[in-house]
Structure formats: structure tokens, C-alpha cells
Amino acid sequence: MTEKKLLVVDDDPDILRVLKANLELYGFEALVAPSWGVAREILQSTPPDLLVLDLGLPDGDGISICGQLKTDYPAMPVIMLTARDRVSDKVTGLESGADDYIVKPFETLELVARIKACLRRSGTGAEQTIIKDITLDRRSRTVQVRGRAVELTPKEYELLCLFIDNRGAVITREFIRKSIWKSAKLYSWSRVIDVHIQHLRRKIEANPVEPEYILTAPGAGYRFTA
């Protein structure tokens, strides 16, 4: 997979510095702009694969900017970055054309997961990932393990994608819930997640009792390793 180019637009220099460093650690090329004027120049010279846009810019309203972006660059995913957490603000942002919406403060891991999800939906992410005995084809939503096709439920498939996209990192049950079950109100949701992971292990691990891929991180969550 070629390095994906991101453009982060935010008027806070500390946020730009931290995001640039963290996103580059995850393998992205991260461009930054402190204003819409600077961002527009970058867009015209080196269009990115995805744009992370703060709503509160000094030289333009994020909602209006997003609408114009979707007119000029209809295929470019846009993730809105904002401190506004009201449902009405989220609806307005999404209706303006944003592909996703994340509220400050946030964890870098969550932003990275949302970026990868947007790139997959837009068709600019990696279509096929091969990790040892596992082959994941995102275009056909198929999985092969040790050369044999494996039937996964929709949630099991989303779990596997989430683990692969964040391989090596410890991810919490809360992060899994927010990424896959969104805002769904689940009874004993922690147990629901554990059960789904048990089922996924049975399908992809040679020995589910001593897993090779999906490891438990005691007191923290899970980690996918290869």
C-alpha cells in the first residue's frame, strides 16, 4: 500500500504538531495548515487523499468550507474535527458532506481508525491485506485462513478489520464498542464484545485456546499481533 497523504486543517499549532507527528508514526504523509487560505493552496498544488477539517477556523466556517470541498473535490473524504458535541452539530456537519465527525478531545488511535475506514469506503485504502496465514480482501469482503475461505458474520468481519488496521496496538473494549457498535446501547456490552472475539478466534486461530493473532492484554483489552 502506498503512503496516503492527509491534510489536517486546524488553527491550534499544538494540535497540528501533535497530529502530524502521530499520523506519520502510523505511516501517513501528514500535511498541516493553520487556516483555510493555506489549506486551499495545498489542495491546489498537492491534493491529499483525505482531509481532516476543524470547524472553527479564523478565515472561514467549517460547514460552508466542507460544502465547497465536496463540490470541488467530490471523491475526497472529509473528517470534521471539532469541540462541538451536540447531536444537532454532528447532524449539520454530516449533512454538509462530511464523511465522519470526531469530537475533541480524542485519542489518536480513534482518529486513525476513522481515517482508515473513510479511505476504505472511498476506495483509496488497501484492497487486500495478507498477514501470515490470513488474507483479507476488502473489496469482496472475504477472508481466507490457511488457504481456506472463512465465513464471518458482519460484526466478526468488522472486528477483524479493526484488529488488522491497528495491529500491534492494545485496543480497549470501549474503543471496540465505539468503532463497531457506535452508540448502540448494549446490555452487558463488554460481554458481547468478548463473545464475538471468542467466535472470531475459533474461525481464524489454529488453536483458539492459545491464540496466535488475537491476544488478550490483561486489564486493558486486546492486541492483534503477527
Foldseek 3Di string as FASTA:
>chain_A
DDAFEEEEEALDVVVLVVLCVVVVVLRHRYHYHNAVVVVVVCCVVPNGQEYEYEQDHPPDGPLVVLLVCCVVPVLHAYEYEYQDDDPVVQVSNVVSPHPYYDHPPDDSLLVLLVVQVSCVVSVNHDQWDDDPQWIAGSVVRWIGGNRHTFDDDPLLSQVVVSQVSQAPDFDALVSSCCNRVNPDDDDPSSVVVVVSVLVSLVGHAPDSVDGDAWAADPPGGIHGYD
